[in-house]
Structures are given as C-alpha cells and as structure tokens.
Amino acid sequence: MRTKTMDEYMNCPFHLAMSMLEGKWKFAILYVLSARGTLRFKELERAIPEISTRMLTKDLKHLEQKGIVKRQAYATVPPKVEYSLTDIGQSIAPVMASITRWGEAYIEESKALAHQESAG
C-alpha cells in the first residue's frame, strides 16, 4: 500500500471534515443548534455545560468562517445576535444522529458488561 502525499492527505474529504470540526466543542455546538434551532449567544452558552465564553466565541467564529453556522446580528439596543445552522451545517444532522445511536448502543453495552462483571 502506497503512502499518501501531503497534498492528497490535505484534499481528502474525511480529513477536511475532521479538520473543520476538530476540537472539544464544535460538535456540541452543532448538536445544540441542530436540536434547538436558532439561538442567541447566551442561550447557546447555557445549553453547553462547561464551555467558556472565550471558547464558544472562538468556535462560533470558526464555524461561521467555514460556512457551517450563520450569525445574524440585529441593530437593536441591547445588541441581539442569533446563531443558526446554514444548509451545509444542517446536512451534518444525519452524522450526528448516527453518532448518537452509536453512543446509545455503547452505553447499553457498557451497562451489560458492568452487570456481567458484578454478577460473575
């Protein structure tokens, strides 16, 4: 099997997707926006336990720059900003649903294994 060149690696669709979504919080942000729809910054922050304001801001900017999240600012006092998924952002919903099903299966399997170990 031949080794991929750096150019091939950087143009690989899987690598591209993973590099755009890497990090601890991006999937959490996408999951919440997918499940709840358009949210204001503080609503999003409250929906993701333990995320810092700095990290939420940073990751939202990254996702917005990549065209995955839409930021809508309103000229009101106080300022109002809402975040939602773009069409391409919404297209990741089946992937998140699949990951959720995998997580549910893993939880059940872990419970079964723990029960077997405690019984045996």
C-alpha atoms as a PDB file:
ATOM      1  CA  MET A   1       0.000   0.000   0.000  1.00  0.00           C
ATOM      2  CA  ARG A   2       1.463   3.334  -1.003  1.00  0.00           C
ATOM      3  CA  THR A   3       1.680   6.278   1.345  1.00  0.00           C
ATOM      4  CA  LYS A   4      -0.457   9.350   0.624  1.00  0.00           C
ATOM      5  CA  THR A   5       1.299  12.561  -0.274  1.00  0.00           C
ATOM      6  CA  MET A   6       0.654  15.630   1.891  1.00  0.00           C
ATOM      7  CA  ASP A   7      -1.403  17.137  -0.956  1.00  0.00           C
ATOM      8  CA  GLU A   8      -3.582  14.010  -1.170  1.00  0.00           C
ATOM      9  CA  TYR A   9      -3.961  13.980   2.603  1.00  0.00           C
ATOM     10  CA  MET A  10      -4.984  17.653   2.750  1.00  0.00           C
ATOM     11  CA  ASN A  11      -7.532  17.160  -0.063  1.00  0.00           C
ATOM     12  CA  CYS A  12      -9.075  14.021   1.444  1.00  0.00           C
ATOM     13  CA  PRO A  13     -12.780  14.712   2.183  1.00  0.00           C
ATOM     14  CA  PHE A  14     -12.609  12.883   5.525  1.00  0.00           C
ATOM     15  CA  HIS A  15      -9.520  14.801   6.645  1.00  0.00           C
ATOM     16  CA  LEU A  16     -11.092  18.068   5.525  1.00  0.00           C
ATOM     17  CA  ALA A  17     -14.266  17.380   7.518  1.00  0.00           C
ATOM     18  CA  MET A  18     -12.344  16.337  10.609  1.00  0.00           C
ATOM     19  CA  SER A  19     -10.065  19.388  10.459  1.00  0.00           C
ATOM     20  CA  MET A  20     -13.093  21.688  10.196  1.00  0.00           C
ATOM     21  CA  LEU A  21     -14.868  20.012  13.116  1.00  0.00           C
ATOM     22  CA  GLU A  22     -11.913  19.163  15.356  1.00  0.00           C
ATOM     23  CA  GLY A  23     -11.866  20.250  18.956  1.00  0.00           C
ATOM     24  CA  LYS A  24     -13.842  19.598  22.086  1.00  0.00           C
ATOM     25  CA  TRP A  25     -16.803  21.910  21.477  1.00  0.00           C
ATOM     26  CA  LYS A  26     -17.650  22.164  17.776  1.00  0.00           C
ATOM     27  CA  PHE A  27     -19.779  19.021  17.672  1.00  0.00           C
ATOM     28  CA  ALA A  28     -21.554  20.128  20.857  1.00  0.00           C
ATOM     29  CA  ILE A  29     -22.354  23.491  19.259  1.00  0.00           C
ATOM     30  CA  LEU A  30     -23.649  21.823  16.092  1.00  0.00           C
ATOM     31  CA  TYR A  31     -25.653  19.291  18.112  1.00  0.00           C
ATOM     32  CA  VAL A  32     -27.412  22.016  20.139  1.00  0.00           C
ATOM     33  CA  LEU A  33     -28.131  24.213  17.112  1.00  0.00           C
ATOM     34  CA  SER A  34     -29.406  21.184  15.212  1.00  0.00           C
ATOM     35  CA  ALA A  35     -31.707  20.142  18.038  1.00  0.00           C
ATOM     36  CA  ARG A  36     -32.937  23.583  19.124  1.00  0.00           C
ATOM     37  CA  GLY A  37     -32.695  25.729  16.021  1.00  0.00           C
ATOM     38  CA  THR A  38     -31.774  29.414  16.112  1.00  0.00           C
ATOM     39  CA  LEU A  39     -30.347  30.552  19.440  1.00  0.00           C
ATOM     40  CA  ARG A  40     -28.910  33.686  20.962  1.00  0.00           C
ATOM     41  CA  PHE A  41     -25.341  33.536  22.281  1.00  0.00           C
ATOM     42  CA  LYS A  42     -26.277  33.173  25.971  1.00  0.00           C
ATOM     43  CA  GLU A  43     -28.893  30.507  25.189  1.00  0.00           C
ATOM     44  CA  LEU A  44     -26.243  28.529  23.361  1.00  0.00           C
ATOM     45  CA  GLU A  45     -23.739  29.056  26.167  1.00  0.00           C
ATOM     46  CA  ARG A  46     -26.236  27.821  28.785  1.00  0.00           C
ATOM     47  CA  ALA A  47     -27.055  24.764  26.662  1.00  0.00           C
ATOM     48  CA  ILE A  48     -23.436  23.534  26.662  1.00  0.00           C
ATOM     49  CA  PRO A  49     -22.194  22.854  30.203  1.00  0.00           C
ATOM     50  CA  GLU A  50     -18.608  23.816  30.982  1.00  0.00           C
ATOM     51  CA  ILE A  51     -17.887  25.705  27.740  1.00  0.00           C
ATOM     52  CA  SER A  52     -16.190  29.035  28.374  1.00  0.00           C
ATOM     53  CA  THR A  53     -17.379  32.236  26.748  1.00  0.00           C
ATOM     54  CA  ARG A  54     -13.999  32.512  25.024  1.00  0.00           C
ATOM     55  CA  MET A  55     -14.162  29.013  23.514  1.00  0.00           C
ATOM     56  CA  LEU A  56     -17.765  29.422  22.400  1.00  0.00           C
ATOM     57  CA  THR A  57     -16.889  32.704  20.695  1.00  0.00           C
ATOM     58  CA  LYS A  58     -13.792  31.207  19.051  1.00  0.00           C
ATOM     59  CA  ASP A  59     -15.553  28.085  17.783  1.00  0.00           C
ATOM     60  CA  LEU A  60     -18.611  30.004  16.563  1.00  0.00           C
ATOM     61  CA  LYS A  61     -16.316  32.309  14.572  1.00  0.00           C
ATOM     62  CA  HIS A  62     -14.525  29.292  13.075  1.00  0.00           C
ATOM     63  CA  LEU A  63     -17.809  27.582  12.146  1.00  0.00           C
ATOM     64  CA  GLU A  64     -19.132  30.840  10.690  1.00  0.00           C
ATOM     65  CA  GLN A  65     -15.972  31.347   8.599  1.00  0.00           C
ATOM     66  CA  LYS A  66     -16.352  27.807   7.236  1.00  0.00           C
ATOM     67  CA  GLY A  67     -19.995  28.478   6.273  1.00  0.00           C
ATOM     68  CA  ILE A  68     -21.420  25.955   8.737  1.00  0.00           C
ATOM     69  CA  VAL A  69     -23.035  28.409  11.162  1.00  0.00           C
ATOM     70  CA  LYS A  70     -24.847  31.637  10.296  1.00  0.00           C
ATOM     71  CA  ARG A  71     -24.505  34.665  12.573  1.00  0.00           C
ATOM     72  CA  GLN A  72     -27.360  37.164  12.352  1.00  0.00           C
ATOM     73  CA  ALA A  73     -26.771  40.489  14.114  1.00  0.00           C
ATOM     74  CA  TYR A  74     -29.661  42.886  14.703  1.00  0.00           C
ATOM     75  CA  ALA A  75     -29.192  46.635  15.145  1.00  0.00           C
ATOM     76  CA  THR A  76     -31.021  46.864  18.443  1.00  0.00           C
ATOM     77  CA  VAL A  77     -30.215  48.132  21.924  1.00  0.00           C
ATOM     78  CA  PRO A  78     -29.018  45.987  23.564  1.00  0.00           C
ATOM     79  CA  PRO A  79     -27.408  44.240  20.579  1.00  0.00           C
ATOM     80  CA  LYS A  80     -29.056  40.985  19.566  1.00  0.00           C
ATOM     81  CA  VAL A  81     -27.123  38.219  17.804  1.00  0.00           C
ATOM     82  CA  GLU A  82     -28.573  34.853  16.783  1.00  0.00           C
ATOM     83  CA  TYR A  83     -26.837  31.730  15.547  1.00  0.00           C
ATOM     84  CA  SER A  84     -28.269  29.012  13.328  1.00  0.00           C
ATOM     85  CA  LEU A  85     -27.035  26.290  11.019  1.00  0.00           C
ATOM     86  CA  THR A  86     -26.597  27.012   7.325  1.00  0.00           C
ATOM     87  CA  ASP A  87     -27.815  24.458   4.786  1.00  0.00           C
ATOM     88  CA  ILE A  88     -24.394  22.796   4.786  1.00  0.00           C
ATOM     89  CA  GLY A  89     -24.434  22.874   8.593  1.00  0.00           C
ATOM     90  CA  GLN A  90     -27.836  21.184   8.646  1.00  0.00           C
ATOM     91  CA  SER A  91     -26.511  18.467   6.350  1.00  0.00           C
ATOM     92  CA  ILE A  92     -24.421  17.095   9.228  1.00  0.00           C
ATOM     93  CA  ALA A  93     -27.584  16.161  11.178  1.00  0.00           C
ATOM     94  CA  PRO A  94     -27.605  12.527   9.924  1.00  0.00           C
ATOM     95  CA  VAL A  95     -23.970  12.147  11.005  1.00  0.00           C
ATOM     96  CA  MET A  96     -24.809  13.427  14.491  1.00  0.00           C
ATOM     97  CA  ALA A  97     -27.844  11.129  14.636  1.00  0.00           C
ATOM     98  CA  SER A  98     -25.621   8.183  13.740  1.00  0.00           C
ATOM     99  CA  ILE A  99     -23.075   9.157  16.402  1.00  0.00           C
ATOM    100  CA  THR A 100     -25.927   9.458  18.925  1.00  0.00           C
ATOM    101  CA  ARG A 101     -27.184   5.956  18.070  1.00  0.00           C
ATOM    102  CA  TRP A 102     -23.642   4.623  18.437  1.00  0.00           C
ATOM    103  CA  GLY A 103     -23.376   6.343  21.844  1.00  0.00           C
ATOM    104  CA  GLU A 104     -26.685   4.846  22.968  1.00  0.00           C
ATOM    105  CA  ALA A 105     -25.546   1.366  21.894  1.00  0.00           C
ATOM    106  CA  TYR A 106     -22.231   1.858  23.681  1.00  0.00           C
ATOM    107  CA  ILE A 107     -23.992   2.890  26.898  1.00  0.00           C
ATOM    108  CA  GLU A 108     -26.200  -0.201  26.768  1.00  0.00           C
ATOM    109  CA  GLU A 109     -23.234  -2.472  26.041  1.00  0.00           C
ATOM    110  CA  SER A 110     -21.254  -0.902  28.880  1.00  0.00           C
ATOM    111  CA  LYS A 111     -24.145  -1.454  31.283  1.00  0.00           C
ATOM    112  CA  ALA A 112     -24.428  -5.086  30.182  1.00  0.00           C
ATOM    113  CA  LEU A 113     -20.690  -5.641  30.654  1.00  0.00           C
ATOM    114  CA  ALA A 114     -20.739  -3.984  34.080  1.00  0.00           C
ATOM    115  CA  HIS A 115     -23.684  -6.146  35.094  1.00  0.00           C
ATOM    116  CA  GLN A 116     -21.873  -9.305  33.911  1.00  0.00           C
ATOM    117  CA  GLU A 117     -18.712  -8.351  35.811  1.00  0.00           C
ATOM    118  CA  SER A 118     -20.616  -7.649  39.012  1.00  0.00           C
ATOM    119  CA  ALA A 119     -22.545 -10.924  38.728  1.00  0.00           C
ATOM    120  CA  GLY A 120     -19.506 -13.017  37.874  1.00  0.00           C
END
